[in-house]
Amino acid sequence: MFEKFAGDTRRIVGYAMEEARSRGDKRLGTEHLLLGALHEPQPSAVLGISLEDAHKAASRLDAAALKAIGLEAGDLKGASMPTTGRKPPFSSGAKEVMANMVKQAMGQKSRQITTSNLLVALLDREEHDPVSALLEELKVDKATVRARLG
């Protein structure tokens, strides 16, 4: 499947793996795919957000989740994860995003899976998905982004 990814889309998946590792996560989730996309200028421009702003929003969401179970983020140290080596497995949500990307590309009769396919697949995630929470925290207007994507 990855051989059908456009060059920037392939890089984004690599960035997403780096994001998962750097955040100390054992799985690559939908939120990591969004963070990975923001390493590239086109998705950042289409979404109207920067990688730095997304990192801050993800940290706020993490702190709120910890606080909900009685922990303060300041009391915890980040997990040290290797930045190279074993690839983190994809979460079920990230696998669904990948499948949706392929379905979109096939529906468009495209030979390549593009960054636009990735962004639409991320926008399609349901409310309970981590990427939806991150997009909401960033105040991304999904309808506006869809219009930009054409």
N, C-alpha and C. Protein backbone atom coordinates (compact mmCIF):
# COMPACT_ATOMS: atom_id res chain seq x y z
N MET A 1 0.83 -1.19 0.00
CA MET A 1 0.00 0.00 0.00
C MET A 1 0.87 1.25 0.00
N PHE A 2 1.95 1.28 0.78
CA PHE A 2 2.75 2.50 0.91
C PHE A 2 3.42 2.89 -0.41
N GLU A 3 3.60 1.94 -1.31
CA GLU A 3 4.20 2.29 -2.60
C GLU A 3 3.29 3.19 -3.42
N LYS A 4 2.00 3.22 -3.10
CA LYS A 4 1.06 4.09 -3.82
C LYS A 4 0.96 5.49 -3.20
N PHE A 5 1.63 5.69 -2.07
CA PHE A 5 1.61 6.99 -1.42
C PHE A 5 2.46 7.98 -2.20
N ALA A 6 1.95 9.19 -2.40
CA ALA A 6 2.75 10.26 -2.98
C ALA A 6 3.91 10.54 -2.02
N GLY A 7 4.97 11.14 -2.54
CA GLY A 7 6.18 11.38 -1.73
C GLY A 7 5.90 12.13 -0.44
N ASP A 8 5.09 13.20 -0.51
CA ASP A 8 4.82 13.97 0.71
C ASP A 8 3.99 13.16 1.69
N THR A 9 3.09 12.34 1.18
CA THR A 9 2.25 11.51 2.06
C THR A 9 3.10 10.46 2.76
N ARG A 10 4.06 9.91 2.05
CA ARG A 10 4.97 8.94 2.66
C ARG A 10 5.81 9.60 3.75
N ARG A 11 6.28 10.82 3.47
CA ARG A 11 7.06 11.55 4.49
C ARG A 11 6.21 11.82 5.73
N ILE A 12 4.94 12.16 5.51
CA ILE A 12 4.04 12.46 6.62
C ILE A 12 3.91 11.26 7.55
N VAL A 13 3.80 10.07 6.99
CA VAL A 13 3.71 8.87 7.83
C VAL A 13 5.00 8.71 8.64
N GLY A 14 6.13 9.00 8.04
CA GLY A 14 7.40 8.96 8.77
C GLY A 14 7.43 9.98 9.89
N TYR A 15 6.96 11.20 9.60
CA TYR A 15 6.89 12.23 10.64
C TYR A 15 5.94 11.79 11.76
N ALA A 16 4.84 11.14 11.38
CA ALA A 16 3.87 10.68 12.39
C ALA A 16 4.53 9.67 13.32
N MET A 17 5.37 8.80 12.76
CA MET A 17 6.08 7.83 13.61
C MET A 17 7.01 8.55 14.57
N GLU A 18 7.70 9.57 14.09
CA GLU A 18 8.57 10.37 14.96
C GLU A 18 7.75 11.05 16.05
N GLU A 19 6.59 11.56 15.70
CA GLU A 19 5.73 12.23 16.68
C GLU A 19 5.29 11.25 17.76
N ALA A 20 4.88 10.06 17.37
CA ALA A 20 4.45 9.05 18.36
C ALA A 20 5.60 8.72 19.31
N ARG A 21 6.79 8.52 18.75
CA ARG A 21 7.95 8.20 19.59
C ARG A 21 8.29 9.36 20.52
N SER A 22 8.31 10.58 19.97
CA SER A 22 8.72 11.72 20.78
C SER A 22 7.72 12.03 21.89
N ARG A 23 6.46 11.67 21.70
CA ARG A 23 5.45 11.90 22.73
C ARG A 23 5.40 10.73 23.73
N GLY A 24 6.21 9.70 23.48
CA GLY A 24 6.24 8.56 24.39
C GLY A 24 5.07 7.61 24.22
N ASP A 25 4.41 7.65 23.06
CA ASP A 25 3.25 6.80 22.81
C ASP A 25 3.70 5.48 22.18
N LYS A 26 3.05 4.42 22.59
CA LYS A 26 3.42 3.10 22.09
C LYS A 26 2.78 2.80 20.74
N ARG A 27 1.73 3.54 20.40
CA ARG A 27 1.03 3.35 19.13
C ARG A 27 1.01 4.64 18.34
N LEU A 28 0.95 4.51 17.03
CA LEU A 28 0.79 5.66 16.15
C LEU A 28 -0.71 5.84 15.95
N GLY A 29 -1.24 6.95 16.44
CA GLY A 29 -2.67 7.21 16.36
C GLY A 29 -3.01 8.28 15.34
N THR A 30 -4.28 8.57 15.23
CA THR A 30 -4.74 9.56 14.28
C THR A 30 -4.18 10.94 14.58
N GLU A 31 -4.00 11.24 15.86
CA GLU A 31 -3.44 12.54 16.24
C GLU A 31 -2.00 12.67 15.75
N HIS A 32 -1.27 11.56 15.72
CA HIS A 32 0.11 11.58 15.23
C HIS A 32 0.13 11.82 13.72
N LEU A 33 -0.86 11.27 13.01
CA LEU A 33 -0.95 11.52 11.57
C LEU A 33 -1.18 13.01 11.30
N LEU A 34 -2.02 13.64 12.12
CA LEU A 34 -2.23 15.08 11.95
C LEU A 34 -0.94 15.84 12.26
N LEU A 35 -0.30 15.51 13.36
CA LEU A 35 0.96 16.19 13.71
C LEU A 35 2.01 15.95 12.61
N GLY A 36 2.06 14.75 12.09
CA GLY A 36 2.99 14.45 10.99
C GLY A 36 2.69 15.29 9.76
N ALA A 37 1.41 15.46 9.45
CA ALA A 37 1.02 16.27 8.28
C ALA A 37 1.47 17.71 8.43
N LEU A 38 1.48 18.20 9.65
CA LEU A 38 1.83 19.60 9.88
C LEU A 38 3.32 19.89 9.72
N HIS A 39 4.11 18.86 9.51
CA HIS A 39 5.52 19.05 9.18
C HIS A 39 5.68 19.55 7.75
N GLU A 40 4.66 19.34 6.94
CA GLU A 40 4.68 19.75 5.53
C GLU A 40 3.93 21.08 5.40
N PRO A 41 4.40 21.96 4.52
CA PRO A 41 3.76 23.29 4.40
C PRO A 41 2.34 23.27 3.86
N GLN A 42 2.03 22.42 2.89
CA GLN A 42 0.70 22.42 2.28
C GLN A 42 -0.41 22.07 3.27
N PRO A 43 -0.31 20.97 4.02
CA PRO A 43 -1.36 20.67 4.98
C PRO A 43 -1.49 21.74 6.07
N SER A 44 -0.37 22.28 6.50
CA SER A 44 -0.41 23.34 7.51
C SER A 44 -1.18 24.55 6.99
N ALA A 45 -0.94 24.91 5.73
CA ALA A 45 -1.64 26.05 5.13
C ALA A 45 -3.12 25.76 4.94
N VAL A 46 -3.45 24.56 4.48
CA VAL A 46 -4.86 24.20 4.26
C VAL A 46 -5.63 24.19 5.57
N LEU A 47 -5.01 23.67 6.61
CA LEU A 47 -5.67 23.61 7.92
C LEU A 47 -5.63 24.94 8.66
N GLY A 48 -4.69 25.79 8.29
CA GLY A 48 -4.56 27.09 8.96
C GLY A 48 -3.98 26.99 10.35
N ILE A 49 -3.13 25.99 10.58
CA ILE A 49 -2.51 25.81 11.89
C ILE A 49 -1.04 25.44 11.72
N SER A 50 -0.27 25.75 12.74
CA SER A 50 1.15 25.42 12.71
C SER A 50 1.41 24.17 13.55
N LEU A 51 2.52 23.54 13.30
CA LEU A 51 2.93 22.38 14.08
C LEU A 51 3.10 22.78 15.55
N GLU A 52 3.68 23.94 15.79
CA GLU A 52 3.89 24.40 17.16
C GLU A 52 2.56 24.56 17.90
N ASP A 53 1.57 25.16 17.25
CA ASP A 53 0.25 25.32 17.88
C ASP A 53 -0.40 23.96 18.14
N ALA A 54 -0.21 23.03 17.21
CA ALA A 54 -0.78 21.70 17.40
C ALA A 54 -0.12 20.96 18.55
N HIS A 55 1.20 21.11 18.70
CA HIS A 55 1.90 20.50 19.84
C HIS A 55 1.36 21.06 21.16
N LYS A 56 1.17 22.38 21.21
CA LYS A 56 0.65 23.00 22.43
C LYS A 56 -0.76 22.49 22.74
N ALA A 57 -1.59 22.39 21.71
CA ALA A 57 -2.97 21.91 21.90
C ALA A 57 -2.97 20.45 22.36
N ALA A 58 -2.10 19.62 21.79
CA ALA A 58 -2.02 18.22 22.20
C ALA A 58 -1.57 18.12 23.66
N SER A 59 -0.66 18.97 24.06
CA SER A 59 -0.20 18.97 25.46
C SER A 59 -1.33 19.40 26.39
N ARG A 60 -2.13 20.38 25.97
CA ARG A 60 -3.27 20.80 26.79
C ARG A 60 -4.27 19.66 26.95
N LEU A 61 -4.54 18.94 25.87
CA LEU A 61 -5.47 17.81 25.94
C LEU A 61 -4.92 16.70 26.83
N ASP A 62 -3.62 16.44 26.73
CA ASP A 62 -3.01 15.42 27.59
C ASP A 62 -3.12 15.82 29.06
N ALA A 63 -2.84 17.09 29.36
CA ALA A 63 -2.92 17.58 30.74
C ALA A 63 -4.34 17.48 31.27
N ALA A 64 -5.33 17.81 30.43
CA ALA A 64 -6.73 17.73 30.85
C ALA A 64 -7.13 16.28 31.11
N ALA A 65 -6.66 15.36 30.29
CA ALA A 65 -6.98 13.94 30.48
C ALA A 65 -6.37 13.43 31.78
N LEU A 66 -5.14 13.83 32.06
CA LEU A 66 -4.50 13.42 33.31
C LEU A 66 -5.22 14.01 34.51
N LYS A 67 -5.60 15.27 34.40
CA LYS A 67 -6.29 15.94 35.50
C LYS A 67 -7.63 15.26 35.79
N ALA A 68 -8.28 14.77 34.73
CA ALA A 68 -9.57 14.09 34.90
C ALA A 68 -9.45 12.82 35.74
N ILE A 69 -8.25 12.24 35.79
CA ILE A 69 -8.05 11.05 36.63
C ILE A 69 -7.23 11.36 37.88
N GLY A 70 -7.10 12.66 38.17
CA GLY A 70 -6.47 13.07 39.42
C GLY A 70 -4.98 13.27 39.39
N LEU A 71 -4.39 13.38 38.22
CA LEU A 71 -2.94 13.58 38.11
C LEU A 71 -2.66 14.96 37.53
N GLU A 72 -1.58 15.55 37.98
CA GLU A 72 -1.13 16.82 37.43
C GLU A 72 0.02 16.55 36.47
N ALA A 73 -0.05 17.12 35.29
CA ALA A 73 0.98 16.88 34.27
C ALA A 73 2.36 17.29 34.76
N GLY A 74 2.46 18.32 35.56
CA GLY A 74 3.74 18.79 36.06
C GLY A 74 4.42 17.79 36.97
N ASP A 75 3.66 16.88 37.54
CA ASP A 75 4.21 15.88 38.45
C ASP A 75 4.85 14.70 37.72
N LEU A 76 4.64 14.62 36.42
CA LEU A 76 5.08 13.46 35.66
C LEU A 76 6.23 13.80 34.74
N LYS A 77 7.12 12.83 34.56
CA LYS A 77 8.20 12.98 33.59
C LYS A 77 7.76 12.28 32.32
N GLY A 78 8.19 12.80 31.18
CA GLY A 78 7.89 12.15 29.91
C GLY A 78 8.63 10.84 29.80
N ALA A 79 8.01 9.89 29.16
CA ALA A 79 8.65 8.59 28.94
C ALA A 79 9.75 8.76 27.91
N SER A 80 10.87 8.12 28.15
CA SER A 80 11.93 8.19 27.15
C SER A 80 11.75 7.03 26.20
N MET A 81 11.47 7.37 24.97
CA MET A 81 11.26 6.37 23.94
C MET A 81 12.39 6.51 22.92
N PRO A 82 12.84 5.41 22.37
CA PRO A 82 13.88 5.51 21.35
C PRO A 82 13.34 6.27 20.14
N THR A 83 14.17 7.14 19.56
CA THR A 83 13.72 7.93 18.41
C THR A 83 13.95 7.19 17.11
N THR A 84 14.62 6.06 17.17
CA THR A 84 14.81 5.24 15.97
C THR A 84 14.53 3.80 16.34
N GLY A 85 14.56 2.95 15.36
CA GLY A 85 14.37 1.54 15.64
C GLY A 85 12.98 1.08 15.28
N ARG A 86 12.41 0.28 16.13
CA ARG A 86 11.12 -0.34 15.88
C ARG A 86 10.03 0.68 15.59
N LYS A 87 9.25 0.40 14.57
CA LYS A 87 8.16 1.29 14.19
C LYS A 87 6.98 1.04 15.12
N PRO A 88 6.36 2.11 15.64
CA PRO A 88 5.20 1.90 16.49
C PRO A 88 4.04 1.34 15.67
N PRO A 89 3.29 0.40 16.22
CA PRO A 89 2.14 -0.13 15.47
C PRO A 89 1.05 0.93 15.34
N PHE A 90 0.26 0.83 14.31
CA PHE A 90 -0.84 1.75 14.09
C PHE A 90 -2.01 1.40 14.99
N SER A 91 -2.65 2.42 15.54
CA SER A 91 -3.88 2.21 16.32
C SER A 91 -4.98 1.80 15.34
N SER A 92 -6.08 1.30 15.88
CA SER A 92 -7.19 0.91 15.01
C SER A 92 -7.72 2.12 14.24
N GLY A 93 -7.75 3.29 14.88
CA GLY A 93 -8.20 4.50 14.21
C GLY A 93 -7.28 4.89 13.07
N ALA A 94 -5.97 4.79 13.28
CA ALA A 94 -5.01 5.13 12.22
C ALA A 94 -5.14 4.15 11.06
N LYS A 95 -5.39 2.87 11.37
CA LYS A 95 -5.61 1.88 10.31
C LYS A 95 -6.86 2.24 9.50
N GLU A 96 -7.91 2.69 10.18
CA GLU A 96 -9.13 3.09 9.48
C GLU A 96 -8.87 4.31 8.59
N VAL A 97 -8.06 5.25 9.07
CA VAL A 97 -7.70 6.42 8.25
C VAL A 97 -6.99 5.96 6.99
N MET A 98 -6.04 5.04 7.14
CA MET A 98 -5.31 4.52 5.98
C MET A 98 -6.26 3.86 4.98
N ALA A 99 -7.18 3.05 5.49
CA ALA A 99 -8.15 2.39 4.61
C ALA A 99 -9.03 3.41 3.90
N ASN A 100 -9.44 4.45 4.60
CA ASN A 100 -10.26 5.50 4.02
C ASN A 100 -9.49 6.24 2.93
N MET A 101 -8.20 6.47 3.15
CA MET A 101 -7.36 7.13 2.14
C MET A 101 -7.33 6.32 0.85
N VAL A 102 -7.15 5.02 0.99
CA VAL A 102 -7.10 4.13 -0.17
C VAL A 102 -8.44 4.15 -0.90
N LYS A 103 -9.52 4.08 -0.13
CA LYS A 103 -10.86 4.09 -0.72
C LYS A 103 -11.10 5.38 -1.50
N GLN A 104 -10.70 6.51 -0.92
CA GLN A 104 -10.85 7.79 -1.61
C GLN A 104 -10.07 7.82 -2.92
N ALA A 105 -8.82 7.40 -2.87
CA ALA A 105 -7.98 7.42 -4.06
C ALA A 105 -8.57 6.53 -5.15
N MET A 106 -9.07 5.37 -4.76
CA MET A 106 -9.69 4.48 -5.73
C MET A 106 -10.95 5.11 -6.32
N GLY A 107 -11.74 5.76 -5.46
CA GLY A 107 -12.95 6.44 -5.92
C GLY A 107 -12.65 7.57 -6.90
N GLN A 108 -11.50 8.19 -6.75
CA GLN A 108 -11.07 9.26 -7.64
C GLN A 108 -10.32 8.72 -8.85
N LYS A 109 -10.17 7.40 -8.89
CA LYS A 109 -9.40 6.74 -9.94
C LYS A 109 -7.98 7.30 -10.04
N SER A 110 -7.43 7.60 -8.87
CA SER A 110 -6.08 8.14 -8.78
C SER A 110 -5.08 7.01 -8.58
N ARG A 111 -3.92 7.19 -9.16
CA ARG A 111 -2.86 6.19 -9.01
C ARG A 111 -2.07 6.39 -7.72
N GLN A 112 -2.24 7.57 -7.11
CA GLN A 112 -1.50 7.86 -5.89
C GLN A 112 -2.43 8.27 -4.76
N ILE A 113 -2.00 7.96 -3.55
CA ILE A 113 -2.70 8.37 -2.35
C ILE A 113 -2.03 9.67 -1.90
N THR A 114 -2.82 10.73 -1.84
CA THR A 114 -2.26 12.07 -1.63
C THR A 114 -2.50 12.58 -0.21
N THR A 115 -1.86 13.69 0.06
CA THR A 115 -2.04 14.36 1.34
C THR A 115 -3.48 14.81 1.50
N SER A 116 -4.12 15.22 0.41
CA SER A 116 -5.54 15.60 0.48
C SER A 116 -6.38 14.42 0.94
N ASN A 117 -6.07 13.21 0.44
CA ASN A 117 -6.78 12.01 0.90
C ASN A 117 -6.60 11.82 2.41
N LEU A 118 -5.39 12.06 2.89
CA LEU A 118 -5.11 11.95 4.32
C LEU A 118 -5.92 12.96 5.12
N LEU A 119 -5.91 14.20 4.69
CA LEU A 119 -6.62 15.25 5.44
C LEU A 119 -8.12 14.98 5.47
N VAL A 120 -8.69 14.57 4.35
CA VAL A 120 -10.13 14.26 4.34
C VAL A 120 -10.42 13.09 5.27
N ALA A 121 -9.57 12.07 5.24
CA ALA A 121 -9.78 10.91 6.13
C ALA A 121 -9.70 11.32 7.59
N LEU A 122 -8.81 12.25 7.93
CA LEU A 122 -8.72 12.74 9.31
C LEU A 122 -9.95 13.57 9.68
N LEU A 123 -10.41 14.39 8.74
CA LEU A 123 -11.60 15.21 9.01
C LEU A 123 -12.84 14.34 9.21
N ASP A 124 -12.86 13.16 8.60
CA ASP A 124 -14.01 12.26 8.69
C ASP A 124 -14.10 11.49 10.01
N ARG A 125 -13.09 11.59 10.84
CA ARG A 125 -13.10 10.83 12.09
C ARG A 125 -14.21 11.32 13.01
N GLU A 126 -14.74 10.40 13.77
CA GLU A 126 -15.86 10.71 14.67
C GLU A 126 -15.40 11.52 15.87
N GLU A 127 -16.35 12.05 16.57
CA GLU A 127 -16.11 12.97 17.69
C GLU A 127 -15.19 12.40 18.76
N HIS A 128 -15.31 11.12 19.06
CA HIS A 128 -14.52 10.52 20.16
C HIS A 128 -13.07 10.23 19.76
N ASP A 129 -12.72 10.40 18.51
CA ASP A 129 -11.37 10.09 18.03
C ASP A 129 -10.38 11.17 18.49
N PRO A 130 -9.15 10.77 18.84
CA PRO A 130 -8.17 11.77 19.29
C PRO A 130 -7.93 12.91 18.30
N VAL A 131 -7.92 12.63 17.00
CA VAL A 131 -7.67 13.71 16.04
C VAL A 131 -8.84 14.69 16.02
N SER A 132 -10.06 14.21 16.24
CA SER A 132 -11.21 15.12 16.29
C SER A 132 -11.10 16.06 17.49
N ALA A 133 -10.68 15.51 18.62
CA ALA A 133 -10.49 16.35 19.81
C ALA A 133 -9.39 17.38 19.56
N LEU A 134 -8.33 16.98 18.90
CA LEU A 134 -7.23 17.90 18.61
C LEU A 134 -7.67 18.98 17.63
N LEU A 135 -8.40 18.61 16.58
CA LEU A 135 -8.91 19.60 15.63
C LEU A 135 -9.87 20.57 16.30
N GLU A 136 -10.68 20.06 17.22
CA GLU A 136 -11.61 20.93 17.96
C GLU A 136 -10.84 21.89 18.87
N GLU A 137 -9.84 21.38 19.55
CA GLU A 137 -9.01 22.21 20.43
C GLU A 137 -8.32 23.32 19.63
N LEU A 138 -7.97 23.01 18.39
CA LEU A 138 -7.32 23.98 17.51
C LEU A 138 -8.32 24.89 16.78
N LYS A 139 -9.61 24.64 17.03
CA LYS A 139 -10.69 25.42 16.41
C LYS A 139 -10.63 25.39 14.88
N VAL A 140 -10.34 24.21 14.34
CA VAL A 140 -10.32 24.03 12.89
C VAL A 140 -11.75 23.87 12.40
N ASP A 141 -12.14 24.67 11.43
CA ASP A 141 -13.46 24.59 10.82
C ASP A 141 -13.39 23.54 9.71
N LYS A 142 -13.96 22.39 9.96
CA LYS A 142 -13.86 21.27 9.02
C LYS A 142 -14.47 21.62 7.66
N ALA A 143 -15.58 22.33 7.65
CA ALA A 143 -16.23 22.70 6.38
C ALA A 143 -15.32 23.61 5.55
N THR A 144 -14.66 24.54 6.19
CA THR A 144 -13.74 25.43 5.48
C THR A 144 -12.57 24.65 4.90
N VAL A 145 -12.04 23.73 5.67
CA VAL A 145 -10.91 22.92 5.19
C VAL A 145 -11.34 22.06 4.01
N ARG A 146 -12.52 21.46 4.11
CA ARG A 146 -13.03 20.63 2.99
C ARG A 146 -13.17 21.47 1.72
N ALA A 147 -13.64 22.70 1.88
CA ALA A 147 -13.79 23.60 0.72
C ALA A 147 -12.42 23.91 0.11
N ARG A 148 -11.42 24.11 0.94
CA ARG A 148 -10.06 24.38 0.44
C ARG A 148 -9.49 23.18 -0.30
N LEU A 149 -9.87 21.99 0.15
CA LEU A 149 -9.35 20.78 -0.47
C LEU A 149 -10.05 20.49 -1.80
N GLY A 150 -11.20 21.14 -2.01
CA GLY A 150 -11.93 20.97 -3.29
C GLY A 150 -12.74 19.77 -3.28
